[in-house]
Amino acid sequence: MGNNSADTGRLLTLARAGNQAALNELFERHRARLLRMVELRLDRRLQARIDASDVIQDAYVDVVGRLDEYLRDPRYPWFLWLRLIVGERLLKLHRQHLGTQMRDAGLEVSIYRGALPAASSAALAAQLLGKHTSPTQAAVRAERMMRLQEALNTLDPMDREVLSLRHFEEMTLAETALSLGIEEPAAAKRYIRALKRLKTILASMPGGLENV
């Protein structure tokens, strides 16, 4: 089916026939990746109120209810469709809790040309600090966070999104390109350009890269 592997296609065939265990397995295979996506894109104002695991569980209910929709037209890989469903659930939560506080500019364009929550510069900065540093003082971390956010905000929105997908969600180049509706070579160039641009900006800041 579409760009899915033979094994995924086999499980989808079983799920079409009503095999709940097959559908459960199809979802569980990607739970960790989907959870990483939610943690990256859940608005920081909601993180104390909404658990990422609950978002995933609610999205699974949506997957069960909309499985036939995918099976009728499986143009995209199963994982990207799951990610879309999770993203739509996340967007609903954002609108429900934040309403007009949401900024339409802070949205990622999905493979269906709809809008999903984009990763904020704050979320990306937190990911960078979590992976590359272990600050012991809150003031030091806050300063580094601010510097990283400033650097990330100077990136082109599409470049920042490619960086989010490739570096933080750990999507393949093919998944990234398909998700954003661009060609793979273009996605690869944008990713490399975004990394270089970010490093250049950080290197020009007081303290340079070694303190980030």
Protein backbone atom coordinates (compact mmCIF):
# COMPACT_ATOMS: atom_id res chain seq x y z
CA MET A 1 0.00 0.00 0.00
CA GLY A 2 1.53 3.25 -1.16
CA ASN A 3 5.06 3.65 0.22
CA ASN A 4 4.52 1.19 3.07
CA SER A 5 6.71 -1.85 3.65
CA ALA A 6 5.39 -5.30 2.80
CA ASP A 7 4.96 -6.10 6.49
CA THR A 8 3.00 -2.90 7.13
CA GLY A 9 0.85 -3.70 4.11
CA ARG A 10 0.18 -7.18 5.51
CA LEU A 11 -0.88 -5.77 8.87
CA LEU A 12 -3.08 -3.17 7.20
CA THR A 13 -4.80 -5.93 5.26
CA LEU A 14 -5.49 -7.73 8.53
CA ALA A 15 -6.70 -4.49 10.12
CA ARG A 16 -9.04 -3.93 7.18
CA ALA A 17 -10.56 -7.33 7.95
CA GLY A 18 -11.21 -6.24 11.54
CA ASN A 19 -8.10 -7.62 13.23
CA GLN A 20 -7.69 -5.28 16.21
CA ALA A 21 -4.38 -6.81 17.24
CA ALA A 22 -2.89 -5.93 13.86
CA LEU A 23 -4.02 -2.32 14.20
CA ASN A 24 -2.62 -2.15 17.73
CA GLU A 25 0.75 -3.38 16.49
CA LEU A 26 0.76 -0.89 13.63
CA PHE A 27 0.22 1.94 16.07
CA GLU A 28 2.58 0.72 18.80
CA ARG A 29 5.47 0.47 16.35
CA HIS A 30 5.40 4.24 16.00
CA ARG A 31 4.29 5.32 19.47
CA ALA A 32 7.76 6.48 20.53
CA ARG A 33 8.19 8.64 17.43
CA LEU A 34 4.72 10.11 17.79
CA LEU A 35 5.34 10.85 21.46
CA ARG A 36 8.54 12.69 20.53
CA MET A 37 6.56 14.75 18.03
CA VAL A 38 3.96 15.73 20.66
CA GLU A 39 6.60 16.64 23.23
CA LEU A 40 8.28 18.87 20.67
CA ARG A 41 5.12 20.62 19.48
CA LEU A 42 2.90 20.84 22.56
CA ASP A 43 2.66 24.51 23.48
CA ARG A 44 4.75 25.22 26.58
CA ARG A 45 1.73 26.94 28.20
CA LEU A 46 -0.07 23.59 28.17
CA GLN A 47 2.73 21.26 29.22
CA ALA A 48 1.76 21.38 32.90
CA ARG A 49 -1.87 20.55 32.10
CA ILE A 50 -1.66 18.05 29.26
CA ASP A 51 0.30 14.82 29.25
CA ALA A 52 1.83 13.86 25.92
CA SER A 53 0.89 10.21 26.46
CA ASP A 54 -2.77 11.19 26.81
CA VAL A 55 -2.60 13.02 23.49
CA ILE A 56 -1.26 9.85 21.85
CA GLN A 57 -3.98 7.70 23.43
CA ASP A 58 -6.74 10.06 22.28
CA ALA A 59 -5.23 10.11 18.80
CA TYR A 60 -5.39 6.31 18.71
CA VAL A 61 -9.15 6.54 19.12
CA ASP A 62 -9.17 8.84 16.08
CA VAL A 63 -7.04 6.36 14.15
CA VAL A 64 -9.52 3.55 14.85
CA GLY A 65 -12.41 5.71 13.71
CA ARG A 66 -10.67 6.93 10.55
CA LEU A 67 -8.87 3.77 9.47
CA ASP A 68 -11.21 3.24 6.51
CA GLU A 69 -10.35 6.76 5.34
CA TYR A 70 -6.71 5.78 5.04
CA LEU A 71 -7.37 2.38 3.54
CA ARG A 72 -9.47 3.93 0.77
CA ASP A 73 -6.59 6.11 -0.34
CA PRO A 74 -3.21 5.11 1.18
CA ARG A 75 -1.17 7.57 -0.87
CA TYR A 76 1.20 8.32 1.98
CA PRO A 77 3.20 6.07 4.30
CA TRP A 78 1.35 4.81 7.33
CA PHE A 79 3.60 6.66 9.78
CA LEU A 80 3.02 10.03 8.12
CA TRP A 81 -0.73 9.47 8.23
CA LEU A 82 -0.53 8.59 11.92
CA ARG A 83 1.55 11.70 12.52
CA LEU A 84 -1.09 13.78 10.77
CA ILE A 85 -3.85 12.37 12.99
CA VAL A 86 -1.80 13.06 16.11
CA GLY A 87 -1.01 16.55 14.85
CA GLU A 88 -4.68 17.30 14.27
CA ARG A 89 -5.50 16.12 17.79
CA LEU A 90 -2.75 18.38 19.13
CA LEU A 91 -4.06 21.33 17.13
CA LYS A 92 -7.55 20.82 18.57
CA LEU A 93 -6.13 20.92 22.07
CA HIS A 94 -4.24 24.10 21.30
CA ARG A 95 -7.37 25.76 19.96
CA GLN A 96 -9.46 24.50 22.86
CA HIS A 97 -7.10 25.77 25.55
CA LEU A 98 -5.49 28.76 23.86
CA GLY A 99 -8.14 29.96 21.41
CA THR A 100 -7.19 33.31 19.93
CA GLN A 101 -3.83 33.16 21.71
CA MET A 102 -2.67 30.79 18.96
CA ARG A 103 -0.70 32.34 16.13
CA ASP A 104 -1.55 30.99 12.69
CA ALA A 105 2.01 31.85 11.65
CA GLY A 106 3.28 29.26 14.10
CA LEU A 107 1.90 26.33 12.16
CA GLU A 108 3.48 23.67 9.98
CA VAL A 109 1.87 22.92 6.63
CA SER A 110 1.12 19.21 6.52
CA ILE A 111 1.05 16.80 3.58
CA TYR A 112 -2.66 17.48 3.27
CA ARG A 113 -2.00 21.26 3.15
CA GLY A 114 -3.65 21.62 6.51
CA ALA A 115 -2.05 23.29 9.50
CA LEU A 116 -0.44 21.42 12.39
CA PRO A 117 1.34 22.90 15.42
CA ALA A 118 4.89 23.93 14.57
CA ALA A 119 7.80 23.39 16.91
CA SER A 120 8.55 26.64 18.71
CA SER A 121 12.03 28.09 19.02
CA ALA A 122 11.70 27.55 22.78
CA ALA A 123 11.02 23.84 22.30
CA LEU A 124 13.90 23.46 19.87
CA ALA A 125 16.24 25.34 22.19
CA ALA A 126 15.24 23.08 25.08
CA GLN A 127 15.98 20.03 22.94
CA LEU A 128 19.40 21.38 22.00
CA LEU A 129 20.29 22.12 25.61
CA GLY A 130 19.02 18.74 26.74
CA LYS A 131 21.14 16.87 24.26
CA HIS A 132 24.33 18.89 24.35
CA THR A 133 24.67 20.44 27.79
CA SER A 134 24.06 19.77 31.46
CA PRO A 135 23.76 23.24 33.00
CA THR A 136 23.75 23.22 36.79
CA GLN A 137 22.54 26.75 37.31
CA ALA A 138 19.10 28.02 36.33
CA ALA A 139 20.45 31.43 35.35
CA VAL A 140 23.01 29.88 33.00
CA ARG A 141 20.38 27.70 31.38
CA ALA A 142 17.99 30.62 30.98
CA GLU A 143 20.69 32.68 29.25
CA ARG A 144 21.56 29.84 26.89
CA MET A 145 17.90 29.24 26.16
CA MET A 146 17.44 32.89 25.20
CA ARG A 147 20.49 32.87 22.94
CA LEU A 148 19.37 29.70 21.19
CA GLN A 149 15.84 31.02 20.69
CA GLU A 150 17.21 34.22 19.19
CA ALA A 151 19.33 32.18 16.79
CA LEU A 152 16.49 29.87 15.82
CA ASN A 153 14.13 32.78 15.24
CA THR A 154 16.44 34.17 12.58
CA LEU A 155 16.05 31.03 10.47
CA ASP A 156 13.59 30.88 7.60
CA PRO A 157 10.38 29.16 8.89
CA MET A 158 10.74 26.33 6.36
CA ASP A 159 14.38 25.82 7.32
CA ARG A 160 13.42 25.73 10.99
CA GLU A 161 10.72 23.16 10.22
CA VAL A 162 13.11 20.97 8.24
CA LEU A 163 15.52 21.16 11.17
CA SER A 164 12.71 20.13 13.52
CA LEU A 165 11.71 17.15 11.39
CA ARG A 166 15.17 15.85 10.56
CA HIS A 167 17.14 16.65 13.70
CA PHE A 168 14.57 16.39 16.48
CA GLU A 169 11.79 14.14 15.19
CA GLU A 170 14.49 12.09 13.46
CA MET A 171 12.46 11.67 10.29
CA THR A 172 14.12 10.30 7.17
CA LEU A 173 14.85 12.62 4.28
CA ALA A 174 12.05 10.99 2.29
CA GLU A 175 9.56 11.43 5.13
CA THR A 176 10.59 15.05 5.59
CA ALA A 177 10.25 15.88 1.92
CA LEU A 178 6.91 14.14 1.59
CA SER A 179 5.56 15.68 4.77
CA LEU A 180 6.35 19.20 3.56
CA GLY A 181 5.50 18.62 -0.08
CA ILE A 182 8.99 19.34 -1.43
CA GLU A 183 11.54 17.27 -3.33
CA GLU A 184 14.16 15.27 -1.43
CA PRO A 185 17.13 17.24 -2.84
CA ALA A 186 15.44 20.47 -1.73
CA ALA A 187 14.83 19.04 1.74
CA ALA A 188 18.46 17.93 2.01
CA LYS A 189 19.76 21.35 0.95
CA ARG A 190 17.46 23.13 3.41
CA TYR A 191 18.56 20.88 6.27
CA ILE A 192 22.27 21.43 5.61
CA ARG A 193 21.69 25.15 5.13
CA ALA A 194 19.73 25.41 8.38
CA LEU A 195 22.47 23.63 10.34
CA LYS A 196 25.19 25.82 8.86
CA ARG A 197 23.18 28.97 9.44
CA LEU A 198 22.48 28.06 13.05
CA LYS A 199 26.14 27.28 13.75
CA THR A 200 27.24 30.54 12.13
CA ILE A 201 24.80 32.58 14.20
CA LEU A 202 25.76 30.88 17.45
CA ALA A 203 29.47 31.24 16.71
CA SER A 204 29.03 34.99 16.24
CA MET A 205 27.32 35.40 19.62
CA PRO A 206 29.25 36.28 22.79
CA GLY A 207 30.72 33.03 24.10
CA GLY A 208 30.32 31.25 20.78
CA LEU A 209 29.31 27.62 20.40
CA GLU A 210 31.35 26.25 23.24
CA ASN A 211 28.89 27.61 25.81
CA VAL A 212 25.79 26.16 24.11
